[in-house]
């Protein structure tokens, strides 16, 4: 049986701005996303039957069609029925290292890895753009998880514009294992409270989404100005998540108490991260936060920015 092992990195948001409602009723977003080397390992291998079999040792990860990785395999079977007949189904094993329900796109990265893995198993020869178009049908973060690196994401998050890679930046991430924040709740709550600030027509949506391309954060990324990058972190969803989740707010405040380049919540949370200019600074911050919050429910990780998304090992 043919098999492949793939690495699926986590992502953080350096910028997340909600600018309005699209005609399809999704939020129009402008984000700058970054992959980090905290990653899951995904194994895919061919089966002699047409089944999809999913394995994962994490108790909170479903093993059916509610899992994006499973749905990625279903999508490939639907799109390429001849390849399914010729090559058979797929056995998928997820080795989770990214926290679950953390706002780090762990599920989306797993789905991206399955798309790439099945493309290789079935020798389809799909391009990255082909895979990203398929990924957009599964979730807004999946296209970015395929390409990774540093990028602007617009639309629902599926329209990706690469930026120069960032090197030498480390990140410390913190997430309470038992704490989850519903992404639909976060966006619905934000809309309820701030819809009056949304762009009200298609031209305004387009104008505001284009501003980020020439904005201060993009200029700082192009210049690899790590100090400025840290100062320009931005996330609209903090406005609703932090007041509703005191633990997230307190964790963010604790990160901010110590030396770092910048601190923010990633995505819809509940993960909080701080940027560091070196591994040494990141390790010091890790131990400072751990000493201040010895709660075993708090997971802390040190990671580094990486310049790619899913990759084969």
C-alpha atoms as a PDB file:
ATOM      1  CA  UNK A   1       0.000   0.000   0.000  1.00  0.00           C
ATOM      2  CA  UNK A   2       1.243   3.473  -0.903  1.00  0.00           C
ATOM      3  CA  UNK A   3       1.517   5.967   1.938  1.00  0.00           C
ATOM      4  CA  UNK A   4       2.647   9.515   2.638  1.00  0.00           C
ATOM      5  CA  UNK A   5       3.378  11.424   5.815  1.00  0.00           C
ATOM      6  CA  UNK A   6       2.714  15.148   5.817  1.00  0.00           C
ATOM      7  CA  UNK A   7       3.377  18.011   8.219  1.00  0.00           C
ATOM      8  CA  UNK A   8       0.482  20.435   8.764  1.00  0.00           C
ATOM      9  CA  UNK A   9       1.603  23.636  10.552  1.00  0.00           C
ATOM     10  CA  UNK A  10      -0.563  25.811  12.769  1.00  0.00           C
ATOM     11  CA  UNK A  11      -1.335  29.388  11.788  1.00  0.00           C
ATOM     12  CA  UNK A  12      -1.701  32.607  13.706  1.00  0.00           C
ATOM     13  CA  UNK A  13      -3.280  35.890  12.632  1.00  0.00           C
ATOM     14  CA  UNK A  14      -1.085  38.977  12.725  1.00  0.00           C
ATOM     15  CA  UNK A  15      -4.032  41.053  11.555  1.00  0.00           C
ATOM     16  CA  UNK A  16      -7.760  40.225  11.541  1.00  0.00           C
ATOM     17  CA  UNK A  17     -10.167  42.931  10.435  1.00  0.00           C
ATOM     18  CA  UNK A  18     -13.883  42.495   9.813  1.00  0.00           C
ATOM     19  CA  UNK A  19     -14.956  45.042   7.227  1.00  0.00           C
ATOM     20  CA  UNK A  20     -18.500  44.086   6.255  1.00  0.00           C
ATOM     21  CA  UNK A  21     -20.997  41.526   5.044  1.00  0.00           C
ATOM     22  CA  UNK A  22     -20.640  39.986   1.606  1.00  0.00           C
ATOM     23  CA  UNK A  23     -23.576  39.356  -0.753  1.00  0.00           C
ATOM     24  CA  UNK A  24     -23.388  35.664   0.264  1.00  0.00           C
ATOM     25  CA  UNK A  25     -23.897  36.761   3.913  1.00  0.00           C
ATOM     26  CA  UNK A  26     -20.385  35.742   4.975  1.00  0.00           C
ATOM     27  CA  UNK A  27     -18.165  38.327   6.627  1.00  0.00           C
ATOM     28  CA  UNK A  28     -15.701  40.133   4.389  1.00  0.00           C
ATOM     29  CA  UNK A  29     -12.335  39.806   6.112  1.00  0.00           C
ATOM     30  CA  UNK A  30      -8.852  41.211   5.734  1.00  0.00           C
ATOM     31  CA  UNK A  31      -6.222  39.118   7.471  1.00  0.00           C
ATOM     32  CA  UNK A  32      -2.494  38.663   7.543  1.00  0.00           C
ATOM     33  CA  UNK A  33      -1.739  35.064   8.387  1.00  0.00           C
ATOM     34  CA  UNK A  34       1.467  33.301   9.379  1.00  0.00           C
ATOM     35  CA  UNK A  35       2.338  29.631   9.706  1.00  0.00           C
ATOM     36  CA  UNK A  36       4.397  28.459  12.689  1.00  0.00           C
ATOM     37  CA  UNK A  37       6.276  25.221  13.187  1.00  0.00           C
ATOM     38  CA  UNK A  38       3.920  23.893  15.856  1.00  0.00           C
ATOM     39  CA  UNK A  39       2.423  21.215  13.616  1.00  0.00           C
ATOM     40  CA  UNK A  40       0.336  18.063  13.349  1.00  0.00           C
ATOM     41  CA  UNK A  41       1.577  14.989  11.492  1.00  0.00           C
ATOM     42  CA  UNK A  42      -0.870  13.429   9.046  1.00  0.00           C
ATOM     43  CA  UNK A  43      -0.409   9.964   7.552  1.00  0.00           C
ATOM     44  CA  UNK A  44      -2.405   8.901   4.507  1.00  0.00           C
ATOM     45  CA  UNK A  45      -2.287   5.484   2.896  1.00  0.00           C
ATOM     46  CA  UNK A  46      -4.286   3.748   0.216  1.00  0.00           C
ATOM     47  CA  UNK A  47      -6.882   1.061   0.908  1.00  0.00           C
ATOM     48  CA  UNK A  48      -8.073  -1.821  -1.237  1.00  0.00           C
ATOM     49  CA  UNK A  49     -11.691  -0.783  -0.548  1.00  0.00           C
ATOM     50  CA  UNK A  50     -13.398   2.558  -1.234  1.00  0.00           C
ATOM     51  CA  UNK A  51     -13.666   3.405   2.478  1.00  0.00           C
ATOM     52  CA  UNK A  52     -12.442   6.440   4.372  1.00  0.00           C
ATOM     53  CA  UNK A  53     -10.987   5.389   7.718  1.00  0.00           C
ATOM     54  CA  UNK A  54      -9.866   8.092  10.147  1.00  0.00           C
ATOM     55  CA  UNK A  55      -7.755   7.512  13.278  1.00  0.00           C
ATOM     56  CA  UNK A  56      -6.751   9.969  15.984  1.00  0.00           C
ATOM     57  CA  UNK A  57      -5.716   9.443  19.591  1.00  0.00           C
ATOM     58  CA  UNK A  58      -7.073  12.800  20.803  1.00  0.00           C
ATOM     59  CA  UNK A  59     -10.367  12.284  22.660  1.00  0.00           C
ATOM     60  CA  UNK A  60     -11.895  15.535  21.376  1.00  0.00           C
ATOM     61  CA  UNK A  61     -11.303  14.864  17.690  1.00  0.00           C
ATOM     62  CA  UNK A  62     -14.284  13.309  15.855  1.00  0.00           C
ATOM     63  CA  UNK A  63     -13.616  10.460  13.451  1.00  0.00           C
ATOM     64  CA  UNK A  64     -16.553  10.953  11.080  1.00  0.00           C
ATOM     65  CA  UNK A  65     -17.817  13.469   8.521  1.00  0.00           C
ATOM     66  CA  UNK A  66     -17.867  16.219  11.155  1.00  0.00           C
ATOM     67  CA  UNK A  67     -14.052  16.198  10.899  1.00  0.00           C
ATOM     68  CA  UNK A  68     -12.645  18.420   8.127  1.00  0.00           C
ATOM     69  CA  UNK A  69      -9.973  15.840   7.295  1.00  0.00           C
ATOM     70  CA  UNK A  70     -12.676  13.223   6.688  1.00  0.00           C
ATOM     71  CA  UNK A  71     -14.645  15.706   4.574  1.00  0.00           C
ATOM     72  CA  UNK A  72     -11.507  16.476   2.556  1.00  0.00           C
ATOM     73  CA  UNK A  73     -11.254  12.786   1.651  1.00  0.00           C
ATOM     74  CA  UNK A  74     -14.964  12.717   0.777  1.00  0.00           C
ATOM     75  CA  UNK A  75     -14.519  15.732  -1.477  1.00  0.00           C
ATOM     76  CA  UNK A  76     -11.641  14.088  -3.341  1.00  0.00           C
ATOM     77  CA  UNK A  77     -13.697  10.925  -3.830  1.00  0.00           C
ATOM     78  CA  UNK A  78     -16.597  12.967  -5.223  1.00  0.00           C
ATOM     79  CA  UNK A  79     -14.398  15.030  -7.536  1.00  0.00           C
ATOM     80  CA  UNK A  80     -12.237  12.178  -8.830  1.00  0.00           C
ATOM     81  CA  UNK A  81     -14.437   9.046  -8.955  1.00  0.00           C
ATOM     82  CA  UNK A  82     -12.255   7.362 -11.592  1.00  0.00           C
ATOM     83  CA  UNK A  83      -9.190   7.718  -9.362  1.00  0.00           C
ATOM     84  CA  UNK A  84     -11.174   6.264  -6.465  1.00  0.00           C
ATOM     85  CA  UNK A  85     -12.112   3.215  -8.567  1.00  0.00           C
ATOM     86  CA  UNK A  86      -8.525   2.764  -9.725  1.00  0.00           C
ATOM     87  CA  UNK A  87      -6.681   3.488  -6.475  1.00  0.00           C
ATOM     88  CA  UNK A  88      -9.145   2.743  -3.685  1.00  0.00           C
ATOM     89  CA  UNK A  89     -10.038   4.588  -0.517  1.00  0.00           C
ATOM     90  CA  UNK A  90      -7.797   6.153   2.089  1.00  0.00           C
ATOM     91  CA  UNK A  91      -6.701   5.459   5.642  1.00  0.00           C
ATOM     92  CA  UNK A  92      -5.890   8.679   7.543  1.00  0.00           C
ATOM     93  CA  UNK A  93      -4.103   8.988  10.884  1.00  0.00           C
ATOM     94  CA  UNK A  94      -3.895  12.342  12.664  1.00  0.00           C
ATOM     95  CA  UNK A  95      -1.111  12.848  15.199  1.00  0.00           C
ATOM     96  CA  UNK A  96      -2.245  15.989  17.021  1.00  0.00           C
ATOM     97  CA  UNK A  97       0.258  18.461  18.444  1.00  0.00           C
ATOM     98  CA  UNK A  98      -1.714  21.634  17.706  1.00  0.00           C
ATOM     99  CA  UNK A  99      -4.277  22.276  20.478  1.00  0.00           C
ATOM    100  CA  UNK A 100      -7.848  21.458  19.482  1.00  0.00           C
ATOM    101  CA  UNK A 101     -10.418  24.275  19.102  1.00  0.00           C
ATOM    102  CA  UNK A 102      -7.668  26.836  19.619  1.00  0.00           C
ATOM    103  CA  UNK A 103      -8.049  29.333  16.774  1.00  0.00           C
ATOM    104  CA  UNK A 104      -4.855  27.947  15.196  1.00  0.00           C
ATOM    105  CA  UNK A 105      -6.460  26.232  12.150  1.00  0.00           C
ATOM    106  CA  UNK A 106      -5.483  22.746  13.283  1.00  0.00           C
ATOM    107  CA  UNK A 107      -8.533  21.170  11.658  1.00  0.00           C
ATOM    108  CA  UNK A 108      -8.077  23.186   8.483  1.00  0.00           C
ATOM    109  CA  UNK A 109      -4.415  22.179   8.311  1.00  0.00           C
ATOM    110  CA  UNK A 110      -5.361  18.508   8.671  1.00  0.00           C
ATOM    111  CA  UNK A 111      -7.836  18.880   5.806  1.00  0.00           C
ATOM    112  CA  UNK A 112      -5.195  20.613   3.688  1.00  0.00           C
ATOM    113  CA  UNK A 113      -2.778  17.746   4.346  1.00  0.00           C
ATOM    114  CA  UNK A 114      -5.391  15.174   3.304  1.00  0.00           C
ATOM    115  CA  UNK A 115      -6.005  17.012   0.019  1.00  0.00           C
ATOM    116  CA  UNK A 116      -2.268  17.090  -0.714  1.00  0.00           C
ATOM    117  CA  UNK A 117      -1.800  13.479   0.410  1.00  0.00           C
ATOM    118  CA  UNK A 118      -4.597  12.074  -1.744  1.00  0.00           C
ATOM    119  CA  UNK A 119      -3.356  14.078  -4.728  1.00  0.00           C
ATOM    120  CA  UNK A 120      -0.039  12.260  -4.291  1.00  0.00           C
ATOM    121  CA  UNK A 121      -1.584   8.848  -3.582  1.00  0.00           C
ATOM    122  CA  UNK A 122      -3.775   9.029  -6.665  1.00  0.00           C
ATOM    123  CA  UNK A 123      -1.105  10.737  -8.819  1.00  0.00           C
ATOM    124  CA  UNK A 124      -3.582  13.426  -9.888  1.00  0.00           C
ATOM    125  CA  UNK A 125      -0.941  16.091 -10.557  1.00  0.00           C
ATOM    126  CA  UNK A 126      -3.022  18.929  -9.119  1.00  0.00           C
ATOM    127  CA  UNK A 127      -1.445  22.372  -8.838  1.00  0.00           C
ATOM    128  CA  UNK A 128      -1.379  24.351  -5.609  1.00  0.00           C
ATOM    129  CA  UNK A 129      -4.116  26.577  -7.046  1.00  0.00           C
ATOM    130  CA  UNK A 130      -6.233  23.503  -7.868  1.00  0.00           C
ATOM    131  CA  UNK A 131      -5.842  22.263  -4.302  1.00  0.00           C
ATOM    132  CA  UNK A 132      -6.659  25.676  -2.851  1.00  0.00           C
ATOM    133  CA  UNK A 133      -9.875  25.875  -4.882  1.00  0.00           C
ATOM    134  CA  UNK A 134     -10.899  22.500  -3.482  1.00  0.00           C
ATOM    135  CA  UNK A 135      -9.865  23.599   0.005  1.00  0.00           C
ATOM    136  CA  UNK A 136     -12.036  26.716  -0.169  1.00  0.00           C
ATOM    137  CA  UNK A 137     -15.073  24.436  -0.426  1.00  0.00           C
ATOM    138  CA  UNK A 138     -14.180  22.925   2.940  1.00  0.00           C
ATOM    139  CA  UNK A 139     -13.330  26.028   4.968  1.00  0.00           C
ATOM    140  CA  UNK A 140     -11.935  29.535   4.691  1.00  0.00           C
ATOM    141  CA  UNK A 141      -8.561  28.689   6.286  1.00  0.00           C
ATOM    142  CA  UNK A 142      -7.832  25.584   4.206  1.00  0.00           C
ATOM    143  CA  UNK A 143      -6.391  27.392   1.135  1.00  0.00           C
ATOM    144  CA  UNK A 144      -3.897  29.271   3.302  1.00  0.00           C
ATOM    145  CA  UNK A 145      -2.937  26.098   5.173  1.00  0.00           C
ATOM    146  CA  UNK A 146      -1.962  24.522   1.845  1.00  0.00           C
ATOM    147  CA  UNK A 147       0.470  27.306   0.882  1.00  0.00           C
ATOM    148  CA  UNK A 148       1.379  28.724   4.310  1.00  0.00           C
ATOM    149  CA  UNK A 149       4.165  31.202   4.935  1.00  0.00           C
ATOM    150  CA  UNK A 150       3.167  34.843   5.318  1.00  0.00           C
ATOM    151  CA  UNK A 151       0.148  36.044   3.346  1.00  0.00           C
ATOM    152  CA  UNK A 152      -2.753  38.449   3.080  1.00  0.00           C
ATOM    153  CA  UNK A 153      -6.102  36.665   3.067  1.00  0.00           C
ATOM    154  CA  UNK A 154      -9.213  38.478   1.858  1.00  0.00           C
ATOM    155  CA  UNK A 155     -12.797  37.585   1.008  1.00  0.00           C
ATOM    156  CA  UNK A 156     -13.938  34.936   3.478  1.00  0.00           C
ATOM    157  CA  UNK A 157     -10.231  34.268   3.977  1.00  0.00           C
ATOM    158  CA  UNK A 158      -9.846  32.091   0.906  1.00  0.00           C
ATOM    159  CA  UNK A 159      -8.225  34.656  -1.440  1.00  0.00           C
ATOM    160  CA  UNK A 160      -4.483  34.436  -0.731  1.00  0.00           C
ATOM    161  CA  UNK A 161      -1.773  36.962  -1.668  1.00  0.00           C
ATOM    162  CA  UNK A 162       1.722  35.851  -0.561  1.00  0.00           C
ATOM    163  CA  UNK A 163       4.024  38.232   1.304  1.00  0.00           C
ATOM    164  CA  UNK A 164       7.799  37.996   1.833  1.00  0.00           C
ATOM    165  CA  UNK A 165       8.699  35.280   4.324  1.00  0.00           C
ATOM    166  CA  UNK A 166       9.463  36.304   7.882  1.00  0.00           C
ATOM    167  CA  UNK A 167      12.471  34.652   9.476  1.00  0.00           C
ATOM    168  CA  UNK A 168      13.918  34.763  12.944  1.00  0.00           C
ATOM    169  CA  UNK A 169      10.644  35.507  14.734  1.00  0.00           C
ATOM    170  CA  UNK A 170       9.602  33.199  17.553  1.00  0.00           C
ATOM    171  CA  UNK A 171       6.228  32.937  19.206  1.00  0.00           C
ATOM    172  CA  UNK A 172       5.004  31.705  22.578  1.00  0.00           C
ATOM    173  CA  UNK A 173       1.436  30.419  22.516  1.00  0.00           C
ATOM    174  CA  UNK A 174      -0.873  29.738  25.427  1.00  0.00           C
ATOM    175  CA  UNK A 175      -4.224  27.924  25.473  1.00  0.00           C
ATOM    176  CA  UNK A 176      -6.354  26.489  28.276  1.00  0.00           C
ATOM    177  CA  UNK A 177      -7.104  22.895  27.274  1.00  0.00           C
ATOM    178  CA  UNK A 178     -10.646  22.948  28.649  1.00  0.00           C
ATOM    179  CA  UNK A 179     -11.562  26.315  27.151  1.00  0.00           C
ATOM    180  CA  UNK A 180     -13.164  26.659  23.722  1.00  0.00           C
ATOM    181  CA  UNK A 181     -14.580  29.679  21.939  1.00  0.00           C
ATOM    182  CA  UNK A 182     -17.177  29.112  19.224  1.00  0.00           C
ATOM    183  CA  UNK A 183     -16.081  30.825  16.017  1.00  0.00           C
ATOM    184  CA  UNK A 184     -19.700  31.304  14.816  1.00  0.00           C
ATOM    185  CA  UNK A 185     -20.549  32.841  18.209  1.00  0.00           C
ATOM    186  CA  UNK A 186     -17.594  35.244  17.983  1.00  0.00           C
ATOM    187  CA  UNK A 187     -18.528  36.495  14.508  1.00  0.00           C
ATOM    188  CA  UNK A 188     -22.253  36.674  15.262  1.00  0.00           C
ATOM    189  CA  UNK A 189     -21.619  38.608  18.459  1.00  0.00           C
ATOM    190  CA  UNK A 190     -19.248  40.978  16.680  1.00  0.00           C
ATOM    191  CA  UNK A 191     -21.846  41.591  13.976  1.00  0.00           C
ATOM    192  CA  UNK A 192     -24.526  42.309  16.586  1.00  0.00           C
ATOM    193  CA  UNK A 193     -22.342  44.856  18.368  1.00  0.00           C
ATOM    194  CA  UNK A 194     -20.432  46.475  15.520  1.00  0.00           C
ATOM    195  CA  UNK A 195     -22.440  46.083  12.311  1.00  0.00           C
ATOM    196  CA  UNK A 196     -23.033  49.846  12.294  1.00  0.00           C
ATOM    197  CA  UNK A 197     -19.295  50.241  11.526  1.00  0.00           C
ATOM    198  CA  UNK A 198     -19.321  47.898   8.516  1.00  0.00           C
ATOM    199  CA  UNK A 199     -18.675  49.072   4.979  1.00  0.00           C
ATOM    200  CA  UNK A 200     -22.123  49.415   3.439  1.00  0.00           C
ATOM    201  CA  UNK A 201     -21.558  48.747  -0.278  1.00  0.00           C
ATOM    202  CA  UNK A 202     -19.363  46.642  -2.543  1.00  0.00           C
ATOM    203  CA  UNK A 203     -17.072  49.547  -3.496  1.00  0.00           C
ATOM    204  CA  UNK A 204     -16.426  50.321   0.182  1.00  0.00           C
ATOM    205  CA  UNK A 205     -15.704  46.661   0.887  1.00  0.00           C
ATOM    206  CA  UNK A 206     -13.198  46.532  -1.957  1.00  0.00           C
ATOM    207  CA  UNK A 207     -11.528  49.800  -0.937  1.00  0.00           C
ATOM    208  CA  UNK A 208     -11.068  48.752   2.684  1.00  0.00           C
ATOM    209  CA  UNK A 209      -9.771  45.310   1.727  1.00  0.00           C
ATOM    210  CA  UNK A 210      -7.201  46.851  -0.622  1.00  0.00           C
ATOM    211  CA  UNK A 211      -5.872  49.262   2.002  1.00  0.00           C
ATOM    212  CA  UNK A 212      -4.079  46.501   3.880  1.00  0.00           C
ATOM    213  CA  UNK A 213      -1.859  45.799   0.842  1.00  0.00           C
ATOM    214  CA  UNK A 214      -0.172  49.176   1.259  1.00  0.00           C
ATOM    215  CA  UNK A 215      -0.651  49.462   5.005  1.00  0.00           C
ATOM    216  CA  UNK A 216       1.892  49.863   7.775  1.00  0.00           C
ATOM    217  CA  UNK A 217       1.968  46.178   8.733  1.00  0.00           C
ATOM    218  CA  UNK A 218       2.710  45.028   5.186  1.00  0.00           C
ATOM    219  CA  UNK A 219       5.506  47.604   4.938  1.00  0.00           C
ATOM    220  CA  UNK A 220       6.924  46.326   8.232  1.00  0.00           C
ATOM    221  CA  UNK A 221       6.792  42.740   6.931  1.00  0.00           C
ATOM    222  CA  UNK A 222       8.527  43.681   3.685  1.00  0.00           C
ATOM    223  CA  UNK A 223      11.235  45.432   5.715  1.00  0.00           C
ATOM    224  CA  UNK A 224      11.387  42.536   8.233  1.00  0.00           C
ATOM    225  CA  UNK A 225      10.933  45.139  10.963  1.00  0.00           C
ATOM    226  CA  UNK A 226      10.102  42.761  13.797  1.00  0.00           C
ATOM    227  CA  UNK A 227       9.665  45.496  16.402  1.00  0.00           C
ATOM    228  CA  UNK A 228       7.108  47.314  14.265  1.00  0.00           C
ATOM    229  CA  UNK A 229       5.344  44.075  13.347  1.00  0.00           C
ATOM    230  CA  UNK A 230       4.808  43.383  17.032  1.00  0.00           C
ATOM    231  CA  UNK A 231       3.405  46.855  17.633  1.00  0.00           C
ATOM    232  CA  UNK A 232       0.933  46.572  14.747  1.00  0.00           C
ATOM    233  CA  UNK A 233      -0.793  43.310  15.705  1.00  0.00           C
ATOM    234  CA  UNK A 234      -4.579  43.694  15.412  1.00  0.00           C
ATOM    235  CA  UNK A 235      -7.638  41.482  15.913  1.00  0.00           C
ATOM    236  CA  UNK A 236     -11.229  42.779  15.817  1.00  0.00           C
ATOM    237  CA  UNK A 237     -12.543  39.662  17.558  1.00  0.00           C
ATOM    238  CA  UNK A 238     -10.721  40.586  20.767  1.00  0.00           C
ATOM    239  CA  UNK A 239     -13.459  43.204  21.247  1.00  0.00           C
ATOM    240  CA  UNK A 240     -16.053  40.493  21.920  1.00  0.00           C
ATOM    241  CA  UNK A 241     -14.025  37.494  23.102  1.00  0.00           C
ATOM    242  CA  UNK A 242     -11.941  39.158  25.823  1.00  0.00           C
ATOM    243  CA  UNK A 243     -14.901  40.643  27.741  1.00  0.00           C
ATOM    244  CA  UNK A 244     -16.805  37.334  27.564  1.00  0.00           C
ATOM    245  CA  UNK A 245     -13.870  35.066  28.499  1.00  0.00           C
ATOM    246  CA  UNK A 246     -11.970  36.398  31.542  1.00  0.00           C
ATOM    247  CA  UNK A 247      -9.387  33.597  31.398  1.00  0.00           C
ATOM    248  CA  UNK A 248      -8.364  34.650  27.892  1.00  0.00           C
ATOM    249  CA  UNK A 249      -8.197  38.286  28.948  1.00  0.00           C
ATOM    250  CA  UNK A 250      -6.129  37.439  32.026  1.00  0.00           C
ATOM    251  CA  UNK A 251      -3.755  35.262  30.008  1.00  0.00           C
ATOM    252  CA  UNK A 252      -3.269  38.059  27.502  1.00  0.00           C
ATOM    253  CA  UNK A 253      -2.533  40.497  30.318  1.00  0.00           C
ATOM    254  CA  UNK A 254       0.023  38.098  31.816  1.00  0.00           C
ATOM    255  CA  UNK A 255       1.846  37.769  28.492  1.00  0.00           C
ATOM    256  CA  UNK A 256       1.917  41.546  28.218  1.00  0.00           C
ATOM    257  CA  UNK A 257       3.532  41.914  31.642  1.00  0.00           C
ATOM    258  CA  UNK A 258       6.795  40.463  30.323  1.00  0.00           C
ATOM    259  CA  UNK A 259       9.245  41.508  27.623  1.00  0.00           C
ATOM    260  CA  UNK A 260       8.062  40.606  24.122  1.00  0.00           C
ATOM    261  CA  UNK A 261       7.526  42.170  20.709  1.00  0.00           C
ATOM    262  CA  UNK A 262       3.731  42.130  20.849  1.00  0.00           C
ATOM    263  CA  UNK A 263       0.807  40.135  22.227  1.00  0.00           C
ATOM    264  CA  UNK A 264      -2.576  39.233  20.774  1.00  0.00           C
ATOM    265  CA  UNK A 265      -5.307  36.601  20.641  1.00  0.00           C
ATOM    266  CA  UNK A 266      -5.197  34.461  17.498  1.00  0.00           C
ATOM    267  CA  UNK A 267      -8.330  34.228  15.365  1.00  0.00           C
ATOM    268  CA  UNK A 268     -11.461  33.732  17.430  1.00  0.00           C
ATOM    269  CA  UNK A 269      -9.345  32.420  20.313  1.00  0.00           C
ATOM    270  CA  UNK A 270      -8.879  31.220  22.889  1.00  0.00           C
ATOM    271  CA  UNK A 271      -5.148  30.959  22.094  1.00  0.00           C
ATOM    272  CA  UNK A 272      -3.047  33.980  23.068  1.00  0.00           C
ATOM    273  CA  UNK A 273       0.432  34.531  21.650  1.00  0.00           C
ATOM    274  CA  UNK A 274       3.426  36.811  22.069  1.00  0.00           C
ATOM    275  CA  UNK A 275       6.167  37.402  19.523  1.00  0.00           C
ATOM    276  CA  UNK A 276       9.834  37.200  20.475  1.00  0.00           C
ATOM    277  CA  UNK A 277      12.988  38.214  18.644  1.00  0.00           C
ATOM    278  CA  UNK A 278      14.944  35.075  19.587  1.00  0.00           C
ATOM    279  CA  UNK A 279      14.465  31.595  20.982  1.00  0.00           C
ATOM    280  CA  UNK A 280      16.166  32.746  24.186  1.00  0.00           C
ATOM    281  CA  UNK A 281      13.643  35.537  24.679  1.00  0.00           C
ATOM    282  CA  UNK A 282      10.805  33.134  23.882  1.00  0.00           C
ATOM    283  CA  UNK A 283      12.050  30.583  26.413  1.00  0.00           C
ATOM    284  CA  UNK A 284      12.298  33.243  29.124  1.00  0.00           C
ATOM    285  CA  UNK A 285       8.741  34.381  28.382  1.00  0.00           C
ATOM    286  CA  UNK A 286       7.508  30.777  28.417  1.00  0.00           C
ATOM    287  CA  UNK A 287       8.936  30.210  31.909  1.00  0.00           C
ATOM    288  CA  UNK A 288       7.698  33.573  33.201  1.00  0.00           C
ATOM    289  CA  UNK A 289       4.121  32.857  32.167  1.00  0.00           C
ATOM    290  CA  UNK A 290       4.320  29.286  33.454  1.00  0.00           C
ATOM    291  CA  UNK A 291       5.585  30.498  36.840  1.00  0.00           C
ATOM    292  CA  UNK A 292       2.801  33.093  37.044  1.00  0.00           C
ATOM    293  CA  UNK A 293       0.074  30.638  35.977  1.00  0.00           C
ATOM    294  CA  UNK A 294       1.015  27.117  37.164  1.00  0.00           C
ATOM    295  CA  UNK A 295      -2.451  25.795  36.234  1.00  0.00           C
ATOM    296  CA  UNK A 296      -1.906  22.391  34.519  1.00  0.00           C
ATOM    297  CA  UNK A 297      -4.868  23.159  32.253  1.00  0.00           C
ATOM    298  CA  UNK A 298      -2.781  25.876  30.559  1.00  0.00           C
ATOM    299  CA  UNK A 299      -0.749  24.579  27.627  1.00  0.00           C
ATOM    300  CA  UNK A 300       2.233  26.671  26.533  1.00  0.00           C
ATOM    301  CA  UNK A 301       4.292  26.240  23.380  1.00  0.00           C
ATOM    302  CA  UNK A 302       7.370  27.842  21.850  1.00  0.00           C
ATOM    303  CA  UNK A 303       7.384  27.906  18.054  1.00  0.00           C
ATOM    304  CA  UNK A 304       9.054  29.697  15.156  1.00  0.00           C
ATOM    305  CA  UNK A 305       7.590  31.309  12.048  1.00  0.00           C
ATOM    306  CA  UNK A 306       7.912  29.032   9.017  1.00  0.00           C
ATOM    307  CA  UNK A 307       7.755  29.788   5.304  1.00  0.00           C
ATOM    308  CA  UNK A 308       5.471  27.030   4.067  1.00  0.00           C
ATOM    309  CA  UNK A 309       2.232  25.221   4.682  1.00  0.00           C
ATOM    310  CA  UNK A 310       1.647  21.498   4.205  1.00  0.00           C
ATOM    311  CA  UNK A 311       4.780  19.582   3.303  1.00  0.00           C
ATOM    312  CA  UNK A 312       5.655  15.944   2.684  1.00  0.00           C
ATOM    313  CA  UNK A 313       8.283  14.161   4.775  1.00  0.00           C
END
